[in-house]
mmCIF file of all heavy atoms, coordinates in Angstrom:
data_MODEL
# 
_entry.id   MODEL 
# 
loop_
_atom_site.group_PDB 
_atom_site.id 
_atom_site.type_symbol 
_atom_site.label_atom_id 
_atom_site.label_alt_id 
_atom_site.label_comp_id 
_atom_site.label_asym_id 
_atom_site.label_entity_id 
_atom_site.label_seq_id 
_atom_site.pdbx_PDB_ins_code 
_atom_site.Cartn_x 
_atom_site.Cartn_y 
_atom_site.Cartn_z 
_atom_site.occupancy 
_atom_site.B_iso_or_equiv 
_atom_site.pdbx_formal_charge 
_atom_site.auth_seq_id 
_atom_site.auth_comp_id 
_atom_site.auth_asym_id 
_atom_site.auth_atom_id 
_atom_site.pdbx_PDB_model_num 
ATOM 1   N N   . TYR A 1 1  ? -2.539 9.893  -2.377  1.00 0.00 ? 1  TYR A N   1 
ATOM 2   C CA  . TYR A 1 1  ? -3.772 9.281  -2.042  1.00 0.00 ? 1  TYR A CA  1 
ATOM 3   C C   . TYR A 1 1  ? -3.578 8.190  -1.300  1.00 0.00 ? 1  TYR A C   1 
ATOM 4   O O   . TYR A 1 1  ? -4.263 7.913  -0.233  1.00 0.00 ? 1  TYR A O   1 
ATOM 5   C CB  . TYR A 1 1  ? -4.577 9.092  -3.364  1.00 0.00 ? 1  TYR A CB  1 
ATOM 6   C CG  . TYR A 1 1  ? -5.013 10.474 -4.095  1.00 0.00 ? 1  TYR A CG  1 
ATOM 7   C CD1 . TYR A 1 1  ? -4.319 10.950 -5.105  1.00 0.00 ? 1  TYR A CD1 1 
ATOM 8   C CD2 . TYR A 1 1  ? -6.153 11.172 -3.764  1.00 0.00 ? 1  TYR A CD2 1 
ATOM 9   C CE1 . TYR A 1 1  ? -4.528 12.089 -5.820  1.00 0.00 ? 1  TYR A CE1 1 
ATOM 10  C CE2 . TYR A 1 1  ? -6.617 12.328 -4.326  1.00 0.00 ? 1  TYR A CE2 1 
ATOM 11  C CZ  . TYR A 1 1  ? -5.734 12.812 -5.280  1.00 0.00 ? 1  TYR A CZ  1 
ATOM 12  O OH  . TYR A 1 1  ? -5.891 14.003 -5.858  1.00 0.00 ? 1  TYR A OH  1 
ATOM 13  N N   . PHE A 1 2  ? -2.921 7.130  -1.884  1.00 0.00 ? 2  PHE A N   1 
ATOM 14  C CA  . PHE A 1 2  ? -2.826 5.760  -1.213  1.00 0.00 ? 2  PHE A CA  1 
ATOM 15  C C   . PHE A 1 2  ? -2.117 5.886  0.085   1.00 0.00 ? 2  PHE A C   1 
ATOM 16  O O   . PHE A 1 2  ? -2.712 5.406  1.165   1.00 0.00 ? 2  PHE A O   1 
ATOM 17  C CB  . PHE A 1 2  ? -2.013 4.847  -2.139  1.00 0.00 ? 2  PHE A CB  1 
ATOM 18  C CG  . PHE A 1 2  ? -1.784 3.436  -1.449  1.00 0.00 ? 2  PHE A CG  1 
ATOM 19  C CD1 . PHE A 1 2  ? -2.806 2.538  -1.390  1.00 0.00 ? 2  PHE A CD1 1 
ATOM 20  C CD2 . PHE A 1 2  ? -0.528 3.149  -0.969  1.00 0.00 ? 2  PHE A CD2 1 
ATOM 21  C CE1 . PHE A 1 2  ? -2.535 1.338  -0.895  1.00 0.00 ? 2  PHE A CE1 1 
ATOM 22  C CE2 . PHE A 1 2  ? -0.271 2.028  -0.431  1.00 0.00 ? 2  PHE A CE2 1 
ATOM 23  C CZ  . PHE A 1 2  ? -1.306 1.027  -0.327  1.00 0.00 ? 2  PHE A CZ  1 
ATOM 24  N N   . LEU A 1 3  ? -1.066 6.650  0.255   1.00 0.00 ? 3  LEU A N   1 
ATOM 25  C CA  . LEU A 1 3  ? -0.350 6.593  1.612   1.00 0.00 ? 3  LEU A CA  1 
ATOM 26  C C   . LEU A 1 3  ? -1.115 7.394  2.529   1.00 0.00 ? 3  LEU A C   1 
ATOM 27  O O   . LEU A 1 3  ? -0.928 7.169  3.810   1.00 0.00 ? 3  LEU A O   1 
ATOM 28  C CB  . LEU A 1 3  ? 1.009  7.296  1.347   1.00 0.00 ? 3  LEU A CB  1 
ATOM 29  C CG  . LEU A 1 3  ? 2.025  6.639  0.557   1.00 0.00 ? 3  LEU A CG  1 
ATOM 30  C CD1 . LEU A 1 3  ? 3.325  7.202  0.448   1.00 0.00 ? 3  LEU A CD1 1 
ATOM 31  C CD2 . LEU A 1 3  ? 2.265  5.103  1.266   1.00 0.00 ? 3  LEU A CD2 1 
ATOM 32  N N   . ASN A 1 4  ? -2.109 8.243  2.138   1.00 0.00 ? 4  ASN A N   1 
ATOM 33  C CA  . ASN A 1 4  ? -2.867 8.881  3.109   1.00 0.00 ? 4  ASN A CA  1 
ATOM 34  C C   . ASN A 1 4  ? -3.931 7.806  3.797   1.00 0.00 ? 4  ASN A C   1 
ATOM 35  O O   . ASN A 1 4  ? -4.489 8.263  4.890   1.00 0.00 ? 4  ASN A O   1 
ATOM 36  C CB  . ASN A 1 4  ? -3.663 9.964  2.489   1.00 0.00 ? 4  ASN A CB  1 
ATOM 37  C CG  . ASN A 1 4  ? -2.759 11.207 2.107   1.00 0.00 ? 4  ASN A CG  1 
ATOM 38  O OD1 . ASN A 1 4  ? -1.659 11.420 2.701   1.00 0.00 ? 4  ASN A OD1 1 
ATOM 39  N ND2 . ASN A 1 4  ? -3.236 11.973 1.102   1.00 0.00 ? 4  ASN A ND2 1 
ATOM 40  N N   . GLU A 1 5  ? -4.200 6.826  3.245   1.00 0.00 ? 5  GLU A N   1 
ATOM 41  C CA  . GLU A 1 5  ? -5.118 5.982  3.704   1.00 0.00 ? 5  GLU A CA  1 
ATOM 42  C C   . GLU A 1 5  ? -4.586 4.531  4.175   1.00 0.00 ? 5  GLU A C   1 
ATOM 43  O O   . GLU A 1 5  ? -5.179 3.927  4.983   1.00 0.00 ? 5  GLU A O   1 
ATOM 44  C CB  . GLU A 1 5  ? -6.226 5.595  2.617   1.00 0.00 ? 5  GLU A CB  1 
ATOM 45  C CG  . GLU A 1 5  ? -6.977 6.769  2.118   1.00 0.00 ? 5  GLU A CG  1 
ATOM 46  C CD  . GLU A 1 5  ? -7.847 6.472  0.888   1.00 0.00 ? 5  GLU A CD  1 
ATOM 47  O OE1 . GLU A 1 5  ? -8.118 5.245  0.765   1.00 0.00 ? 5  GLU A OE1 1 
ATOM 48  O OE2 . GLU A 1 5  ? -8.274 7.421  0.258   1.00 0.00 ? 5  GLU A OE2 1 
ATOM 49  N N   . TYR A 1 6  ? -3.423 4.238  3.786   1.00 0.00 ? 6  TYR A N   1 
ATOM 50  C CA  . TYR A 1 6  ? -2.870 2.947  4.169   1.00 0.00 ? 6  TYR A CA  1 
ATOM 51  C C   . TYR A 1 6  ? -2.240 2.807  5.482   1.00 0.00 ? 6  TYR A C   1 
ATOM 52  O O   . TYR A 1 6  ? -1.462 3.864  5.803   1.00 0.00 ? 6  TYR A O   1 
ATOM 53  C CB  . TYR A 1 6  ? -1.750 2.492  2.987   1.00 0.00 ? 6  TYR A CB  1 
ATOM 54  C CG  . TYR A 1 6  ? -1.277 1.164  3.147   1.00 0.00 ? 6  TYR A CG  1 
ATOM 55  C CD1 . TYR A 1 6  ? -2.049 0.102  2.888   1.00 0.00 ? 6  TYR A CD1 1 
ATOM 56  C CD2 . TYR A 1 6  ? -0.025 0.913  3.520   1.00 0.00 ? 6  TYR A CD2 1 
ATOM 57  C CE1 . TYR A 1 6  ? -1.571 -1.216 3.079   1.00 0.00 ? 6  TYR A CE1 1 
ATOM 58  C CE2 . TYR A 1 6  ? 0.489  -0.347 3.751   1.00 0.00 ? 6  TYR A CE2 1 
ATOM 59  C CZ  . TYR A 1 6  ? -0.171 -1.347 3.499   1.00 0.00 ? 6  TYR A CZ  1 
ATOM 60  O OH  . TYR A 1 6  ? 0.141  -2.778 3.665   1.00 0.00 ? 6  TYR A OH  1 
ATOM 61  N N   . SER A 1 7  ? -2.459 1.859  6.240   1.00 0.00 ? 7  SER A N   1 
ATOM 62  C CA  . SER A 1 7  ? -1.847 1.719  7.473   1.00 0.00 ? 7  SER A CA  1 
ATOM 63  C C   . SER A 1 7  ? -0.759 0.535  7.352   1.00 0.00 ? 7  SER A C   1 
ATOM 64  O O   . SER A 1 7  ? -1.213 -0.641 7.198   1.00 0.00 ? 7  SER A O   1 
ATOM 65  C CB  . SER A 1 7  ? -2.978 1.241  8.496   1.00 0.00 ? 7  SER A CB  1 
ATOM 66  O OG  . SER A 1 7  ? -3.884 2.301  8.682   1.00 0.00 ? 7  SER A OG  1 
ATOM 67  N N   . PRO A 1 8  ? 0.517  0.874  7.456   1.00 0.00 ? 8  PRO A N   1 
ATOM 68  C CA  . PRO A 1 8  ? 1.595  -0.235 7.329   1.00 0.00 ? 8  PRO A CA  1 
ATOM 69  C C   . PRO A 1 8  ? 1.506  -1.157 8.347   1.00 0.00 ? 8  PRO A C   1 
ATOM 70  O O   . PRO A 1 8  ? 1.244  -0.940 9.527   1.00 0.00 ? 8  PRO A O   1 
ATOM 71  C CB  . PRO A 1 8  ? 2.785  0.709  7.428   1.00 0.00 ? 8  PRO A CB  1 
ATOM 72  C CG  . PRO A 1 8  ? 2.425  2.120  7.078   1.00 0.00 ? 8  PRO A CG  1 
ATOM 73  C CD  . PRO A 1 8  ? 0.961  2.218  7.651   1.00 0.00 ? 8  PRO A CD  1 
ATOM 74  N N   . LYS A 1 9  ? 1.803  -2.388 8.014   1.00 0.00 ? 9  LYS A N   1 
ATOM 75  C CA  . LYS A 1 9  ? 1.694  -3.565 8.956   1.00 0.00 ? 9  LYS A CA  1 
ATOM 76  C C   . LYS A 1 9  ? 3.060  -3.654 9.703   1.00 0.00 ? 9  LYS A C   1 
ATOM 77  O O   . LYS A 1 9  ? 3.133  -4.470 10.525  1.00 0.00 ? 9  LYS A O   1 
ATOM 78  C CB  . LYS A 1 9  ? 1.438  -4.677 8.190   1.00 0.00 ? 9  LYS A CB  1 
ATOM 79  C CG  . LYS A 1 9  ? -0.020 -4.768 7.693   1.00 0.00 ? 9  LYS A CG  1 
ATOM 80  C CD  . LYS A 1 9  ? -0.375 -5.971 6.832   1.00 0.00 ? 9  LYS A CD  1 
ATOM 81  C CE  . LYS A 1 9  ? -1.682 -5.952 6.118   1.00 0.00 ? 9  LYS A CE  1 
ATOM 82  N NZ  . LYS A 1 9  ? -1.843 -4.819 5.174   1.00 0.00 ? 9  LYS A NZ  1 
ATOM 83  N N   . SER A 1 10 ? 4.110  -3.095 9.203   1.00 0.00 ? 10 SER A N   1 
ATOM 84  C CA  . SER A 1 10 ? 5.536  -3.072 9.783   1.00 0.00 ? 10 SER A CA  1 
ATOM 85  C C   . SER A 1 10 ? 6.175  -1.907 9.218   1.00 0.00 ? 10 SER A C   1 
ATOM 86  O O   . SER A 1 10 ? 5.866  -1.116 8.367   1.00 0.00 ? 10 SER A O   1 
ATOM 87  C CB  . SER A 1 10 ? 6.209  -4.413 9.368   1.00 0.00 ? 10 SER A CB  1 
ATOM 88  O OG  . SER A 1 10 ? 6.622  -4.480 8.078   1.00 0.00 ? 10 SER A OG  1 
ATOM 89  N N   . ARG A 1 11 ? 7.402  -1.616 9.814   1.00 0.00 ? 11 ARG A N   1 
ATOM 90  C CA  . ARG A 1 11 ? 8.203  -0.422 9.442   1.00 0.00 ? 11 ARG A CA  1 
ATOM 91  C C   . ARG A 1 11 ? 8.730  -0.648 7.883   1.00 0.00 ? 11 ARG A C   1 
ATOM 92  O O   . ARG A 1 11 ? 8.857  0.353  7.208   1.00 0.00 ? 11 ARG A O   1 
ATOM 93  C CB  . ARG A 1 11 ? 9.470  -0.412 10.265  1.00 0.00 ? 11 ARG A CB  1 
ATOM 94  C CG  . ARG A 1 11 ? 9.164  0.119  11.645  1.00 0.00 ? 11 ARG A CG  1 
ATOM 95  C CD  . ARG A 1 11 ? 10.605 0.321  12.446  1.00 0.00 ? 11 ARG A CD  1 
ATOM 96  N NE  . ARG A 1 11 ? 10.226 0.771  13.716  1.00 0.00 ? 11 ARG A NE  1 
ATOM 97  C CZ  . ARG A 1 11 ? 11.256 1.126  14.604  1.00 0.00 ? 11 ARG A CZ  1 
ATOM 98  N NH1 . ARG A 1 11 ? 12.498 0.819  14.201  1.00 0.00 ? 11 ARG A NH1 1 
ATOM 99  N NH2 . ARG A 1 11 ? 10.923 1.589  15.834  1.00 0.00 ? 11 ARG A NH2 1 
ATOM 100 N N   . LYS A 1 12 ? 8.896  -1.766 7.401   1.00 0.00 ? 12 LYS A N   1 
ATOM 101 C CA  . LYS A 1 12 ? 9.298  -2.057 6.040   1.00 0.00 ? 12 LYS A CA  1 
ATOM 102 C C   . LYS A 1 12 ? 8.090  -2.187 4.974   1.00 0.00 ? 12 LYS A C   1 
ATOM 103 O O   . LYS A 1 12 ? 8.333  -2.272 3.905   1.00 0.00 ? 12 LYS A O   1 
ATOM 104 C CB  . LYS A 1 12 ? 10.187 -3.320 5.973   1.00 0.00 ? 12 LYS A CB  1 
ATOM 105 C CG  . LYS A 1 12 ? 11.444 -3.273 6.686   1.00 0.00 ? 12 LYS A CG  1 
ATOM 106 C CD  . LYS A 1 12 ? 12.274 -4.522 6.629   1.00 0.00 ? 12 LYS A CD  1 
ATOM 107 C CE  . LYS A 1 12 ? 13.616 -4.370 7.218   1.00 0.00 ? 12 LYS A CE  1 
ATOM 108 N NZ  . LYS A 1 12 ? 14.425 -5.580 7.134   1.00 0.00 ? 12 LYS A NZ  1 
ATOM 109 N N   . ASP A 1 13 ? 6.908  -2.158 5.552   1.00 0.00 ? 13 ASP A N   1 
ATOM 110 C CA  . ASP A 1 13 ? 5.649  -2.382 4.631   1.00 0.00 ? 13 ASP A CA  1 
ATOM 111 C C   . ASP A 1 13 ? 5.329  -1.030 3.951   1.00 0.00 ? 13 ASP A C   1 
ATOM 112 O O   . ASP A 1 13 ? 5.045  -0.014 4.463   1.00 0.00 ? 13 ASP A O   1 
ATOM 113 C CB  . ASP A 1 13 ? 4.511  -2.760 5.526   1.00 0.00 ? 13 ASP A CB  1 
ATOM 114 C CG  . ASP A 1 13 ? 3.286  -2.966 4.727   1.00 0.00 ? 13 ASP A CG  1 
ATOM 115 O OD1 . ASP A 1 13 ? 3.400  -3.065 3.445   1.00 0.00 ? 13 ASP A OD1 1 
ATOM 116 O OD2 . ASP A 1 13 ? 2.169  -2.985 5.278   1.00 0.00 ? 13 ASP A OD2 1 
ATOM 117 N N   . ASN A 1 14 ? 5.528  -1.090 2.695   1.00 0.00 ? 14 ASN A N   1 
ATOM 118 C CA  . ASN A 1 14 ? 5.443  0.142  1.789   1.00 0.00 ? 14 ASN A CA  1 
ATOM 119 C C   . ASN A 1 14 ? 4.006  0.086  1.253   1.00 0.00 ? 14 ASN A C   1 
ATOM 120 O O   . ASN A 1 14 ? 3.643  1.076  0.472   1.00 0.00 ? 14 ASN A O   1 
ATOM 121 C CB  . ASN A 1 14 ? 6.526  0.337  0.758   1.00 0.00 ? 14 ASN A CB  1 
ATOM 122 C CG  . ASN A 1 14 ? 6.735  -0.961 0.034   1.00 0.00 ? 14 ASN A CG  1 
ATOM 123 O OD1 . ASN A 1 14 ? 5.981  -1.772 -0.257  1.00 0.00 ? 14 ASN A OD1 1 
ATOM 124 N ND2 . ASN A 1 14 ? 8.065  -1.082 -0.551  1.00 0.00 ? 14 ASN A ND2 1 
ATOM 125 N N   . GLY A 1 15 ? 3.314  -1.004 1.305   1.00 0.00 ? 15 GLY A N   1 
ATOM 126 C CA  . GLY A 1 15 ? 1.968  -1.065 0.666   1.00 0.00 ? 15 GLY A CA  1 
ATOM 127 C C   . GLY A 1 15 ? 1.939  -1.393 -0.711  1.00 0.00 ? 15 GLY A C   1 
ATOM 128 O O   . GLY A 1 15 ? 0.780  -1.385 -1.406  1.00 0.00 ? 15 GLY A O   1 
ATOM 129 N N   . TYR A 1 16 ? 3.026  -1.853 -1.376  1.00 0.00 ? 16 TYR A N   1 
ATOM 130 C CA  . TYR A 1 16 ? 2.998  -2.010 -2.744  1.00 0.00 ? 16 TYR A CA  1 
ATOM 131 C C   . TYR A 1 16 ? 2.115  -3.062 -3.102  1.00 0.00 ? 16 TYR A C   1 
ATOM 132 O O   . TYR A 1 16 ? 1.536  -2.945 -4.173  1.00 0.00 ? 16 TYR A O   1 
ATOM 133 C CB  . TYR A 1 16 ? 4.562  -2.490 -3.213  1.00 0.00 ? 16 TYR A CB  1 
ATOM 134 C CG  . TYR A 1 16 ? 5.487  -1.285 -3.364  1.00 0.00 ? 16 TYR A CG  1 
ATOM 135 C CD1 . TYR A 1 16 ? 5.050  -0.017 -2.936  1.00 0.00 ? 16 TYR A CD1 1 
ATOM 136 C CD2 . TYR A 1 16 ? 6.749  -1.438 -3.746  1.00 0.00 ? 16 TYR A CD2 1 
ATOM 137 C CE1 . TYR A 1 16 ? 5.991  1.080  -3.091  1.00 0.00 ? 16 TYR A CE1 1 
ATOM 138 C CE2 . TYR A 1 16 ? 7.683  -0.452 -3.968  1.00 0.00 ? 16 TYR A CE2 1 
ATOM 139 C CZ  . TYR A 1 16 ? 7.217  0.862  -3.481  1.00 0.00 ? 16 TYR A CZ  1 
ATOM 140 O OH  . TYR A 1 16 ? 8.097  1.785  -3.677  1.00 0.00 ? 16 TYR A OH  1 
ATOM 141 N N   . THR A 1 17 ? 1.991  -4.236 -2.343  1.00 0.00 ? 17 THR A N   1 
ATOM 142 C CA  . THR A 1 17 ? 1.115  -5.265 -2.754  1.00 0.00 ? 17 THR A CA  1 
ATOM 143 C C   . THR A 1 17 ? -0.414 -4.735 -2.915  1.00 0.00 ? 17 THR A C   1 
ATOM 144 O O   . THR A 1 17 ? -1.086 -5.106 -3.791  1.00 0.00 ? 17 THR A O   1 
ATOM 145 C CB  . THR A 1 17 ? 1.181  -6.473 -1.752  1.00 0.00 ? 17 THR A CB  1 
ATOM 146 O OG1 . THR A 1 17 ? 2.556  -6.913 -1.634  1.00 0.00 ? 17 THR A OG1 1 
ATOM 147 C CG2 . THR A 1 17 ? 0.213  -7.684 -2.254  1.00 0.00 ? 17 THR A CG2 1 
ATOM 148 N N   . GLU A 1 18 ? -0.864 -4.011 -1.820  1.00 0.00 ? 18 GLU A N   1 
ATOM 149 C CA  . GLU A 1 18 ? -2.304 -3.580 -1.823  1.00 0.00 ? 18 GLU A CA  1 
ATOM 150 C C   . GLU A 1 18 ? -2.366 -2.511 -2.985  1.00 0.00 ? 18 GLU A C   1 
ATOM 151 O O   . GLU A 1 18 ? -3.389 -2.618 -3.615  1.00 0.00 ? 18 GLU A O   1 
ATOM 152 C CB  . GLU A 1 18 ? -2.480 -3.004 -0.413  1.00 0.00 ? 18 GLU A CB  1 
ATOM 153 C CG  . GLU A 1 18 ? -3.847 -2.323 -0.274  1.00 0.00 ? 18 GLU A CG  1 
ATOM 154 C CD  . GLU A 1 18 ? -4.928 -3.606 -0.215  1.00 0.00 ? 18 GLU A CD  1 
ATOM 155 O OE1 . GLU A 1 18 ? -4.581 -4.697 -0.058  1.00 0.00 ? 18 GLU A OE1 1 
ATOM 156 O OE2 . GLU A 1 18 ? -6.107 -3.147 -0.362  1.00 0.00 ? 18 GLU A OE2 1 
ATOM 157 N N   . PHE A 1 19 ? -1.376 -1.747 -3.139  1.00 0.00 ? 19 PHE A N   1 
ATOM 158 C CA  . PHE A 1 19 ? -1.525 -0.688 -4.129  1.00 0.00 ? 19 PHE A CA  1 
ATOM 159 C C   . PHE A 1 19 ? -1.551 -1.235 -5.541  1.00 0.00 ? 19 PHE A C   1 
ATOM 160 O O   . PHE A 1 19 ? -2.444 -0.824 -6.266  1.00 0.00 ? 19 PHE A O   1 
ATOM 161 C CB  . PHE A 1 19 ? -0.203 0.310  -3.910  1.00 0.00 ? 19 PHE A CB  1 
ATOM 162 C CG  . PHE A 1 19 ? -0.245 1.379  -4.901  1.00 0.00 ? 19 PHE A CG  1 
ATOM 163 C CD1 . PHE A 1 19 ? -1.221 2.475  -4.866  1.00 0.00 ? 19 PHE A CD1 1 
ATOM 164 C CD2 . PHE A 1 19 ? 0.774  1.432  -6.044  1.00 0.00 ? 19 PHE A CD2 1 
ATOM 165 C CE1 . PHE A 1 19 ? -1.079 3.507  -5.770  1.00 0.00 ? 19 PHE A CE1 1 
ATOM 166 C CE2 . PHE A 1 19 ? 0.665  2.512  -6.819  1.00 0.00 ? 19 PHE A CE2 1 
ATOM 167 C CZ  . PHE A 1 19 ? -0.210 3.612  -6.761  1.00 0.00 ? 19 PHE A CZ  1 
ATOM 168 N N   . ALA A 1 20 ? -0.660 -2.156 -5.736  1.00 0.00 ? 20 ALA A N   1 
ATOM 169 C CA  . ALA A 1 20 ? -0.735 -2.752 -7.048  1.00 0.00 ? 20 ALA A CA  1 
ATOM 170 C C   . ALA A 1 20 ? -2.041 -3.702 -7.412  1.00 0.00 ? 20 ALA A C   1 
ATOM 171 O O   . ALA A 1 20 ? -2.487 -3.484 -8.546  1.00 0.00 ? 20 ALA A O   1 
ATOM 172 C CB  . ALA A 1 20 ? 0.426  -3.927 -7.248  1.00 0.00 ? 20 ALA A CB  1 
ATOM 173 N N   . ARG A 1 21 ? -2.682 -4.166 -6.395  1.00 0.00 ? 21 ARG A N   1 
ATOM 174 C CA  . ARG A 1 21 ? -3.903 -4.888 -6.662  1.00 0.00 ? 21 ARG A CA  1 
ATOM 175 C C   . ARG A 1 21 ? -4.900 -3.995 -6.971  1.00 0.00 ? 21 ARG A C   1 
ATOM 176 O O   . ARG A 1 21 ? -5.761 -4.289 -7.884  1.00 0.00 ? 21 ARG A O   1 
ATOM 177 C CB  . ARG A 1 21 ? -4.280 -5.619 -5.375  1.00 0.00 ? 21 ARG A CB  1 
ATOM 178 C CG  . ARG A 1 21 ? -5.523 -6.519 -5.417  1.00 0.00 ? 21 ARG A CG  1 
ATOM 179 C CD  . ARG A 1 21 ? -5.817 -7.290 -4.111  1.00 0.00 ? 21 ARG A CD  1 
ATOM 180 N NE  . ARG A 1 21 ? -6.184 -6.301 -3.080  1.00 0.00 ? 21 ARG A NE  1 
ATOM 181 C CZ  . ARG A 1 21 ? -7.286 -5.792 -2.919  1.00 0.00 ? 21 ARG A CZ  1 
ATOM 182 N NH1 . ARG A 1 21 ? -8.223 -5.965 -3.751  1.00 0.00 ? 21 ARG A NH1 1 
ATOM 183 N NH2 . ARG A 1 21 ? -7.502 -4.889 -1.849  1.00 0.00 ? 21 ARG A NH2 1 
ATOM 184 N N   . ASN A 1 22 ? -5.092 -2.881 -6.468  1.00 0.00 ? 22 ASN A N   1 
ATOM 185 C CA  . ASN A 1 22 ? -6.069 -1.880 -6.730  1.00 0.00 ? 22 ASN A CA  1 
ATOM 186 C C   . ASN A 1 22 ? -5.908 -1.187 -8.059  1.00 0.00 ? 22 ASN A C   1 
ATOM 187 O O   . ASN A 1 22 ? -6.761 -0.642 -8.630  1.00 0.00 ? 22 ASN A O   1 
ATOM 188 C CB  . ASN A 1 22 ? -6.225 -0.865 -5.669  1.00 0.00 ? 22 ASN A CB  1 
ATOM 189 C CG  . ASN A 1 22 ? -7.030 -1.411 -4.408  1.00 0.00 ? 22 ASN A CG  1 
ATOM 190 O OD1 . ASN A 1 22 ? -8.323 -1.529 -4.507  1.00 0.00 ? 22 ASN A OD1 1 
ATOM 191 N ND2 . ASN A 1 22 ? -6.289 -1.712 -3.323  1.00 0.00 ? 22 ASN A ND2 1 
ATOM 192 N N   . MET A 1 23 ? -4.644 -1.058 -8.433  1.00 0.00 ? 23 MET A N   1 
ATOM 193 C CA  . MET A 1 23 ? -4.342 -0.282 -9.730  1.00 0.00 ? 23 MET A CA  1 
ATOM 194 C C   . MET A 1 23 ? -4.230 -1.291 -10.913 1.00 0.00 ? 23 MET A C   1 
ATOM 195 O O   . MET A 1 23 ? -4.159 -0.757 -11.954 1.00 0.00 ? 23 MET A O   1 
ATOM 196 C CB  . MET A 1 23 ? -2.926 0.423  -9.495  1.00 0.00 ? 23 MET A CB  1 
ATOM 197 C CG  . MET A 1 23 ? -2.739 1.408  -8.406  1.00 0.00 ? 23 MET A CG  1 
ATOM 198 S SD  . MET A 1 23 ? -3.645 2.891  -8.763  1.00 0.00 ? 23 MET A SD  1 
ATOM 199 C CE  . MET A 1 23 ? -2.486 3.606  -9.801  1.00 0.00 ? 23 MET A CE  1 
ATOM 200 N N   . GLY A 1 24 ? -4.343 -2.528 -10.608 1.00 0.00 ? 24 GLY A N   1 
ATOM 201 C CA  . GLY A 1 24 ? -4.462 -3.480 -11.812 1.00 0.00 ? 24 GLY A CA  1 
ATOM 202 C C   . GLY A 1 24 ? -3.156 -3.692 -12.435 1.00 0.00 ? 24 GLY A C   1 
ATOM 203 O O   . GLY A 1 24 ? -2.941 -4.015 -13.594 1.00 0.00 ? 24 GLY A O   1 
ATOM 204 N N   . LEU A 1 25 ? -1.980 -3.545 -11.572 1.00 0.00 ? 25 LEU A N   1 
ATOM 205 C CA  . LEU A 1 25 ? -0.509 -3.682 -12.014 1.00 0.00 ? 25 LEU A CA  1 
ATOM 206 C C   . LEU A 1 25 ? 0.141  -4.706 -11.245 1.00 0.00 ? 25 LEU A C   1 
ATOM 207 O O   . LEU A 1 25 ? -0.350 -5.054 -10.098 1.00 0.00 ? 25 LEU A O   1 
ATOM 208 C CB  . LEU A 1 25 ? 0.150  -2.378 -12.156 1.00 0.00 ? 25 LEU A CB  1 
ATOM 209 C CG  . LEU A 1 25 ? -0.455 -1.418 -13.133 1.00 0.00 ? 25 LEU A CG  1 
ATOM 210 C CD1 . LEU A 1 25 ? 0.211  -0.027 -12.826 1.00 0.00 ? 25 LEU A CD1 1 
ATOM 211 C CD2 . LEU A 1 25 ? -0.139 -1.755 -14.575 1.00 0.00 ? 25 LEU A CD2 1 
# 
């Protein structure tokens, strides 16, 4: 779900910060 919507800001950007914020972890 998340990776289908997330637009990485760089090649190394895996989106963990945004994902963690929305998941409450």
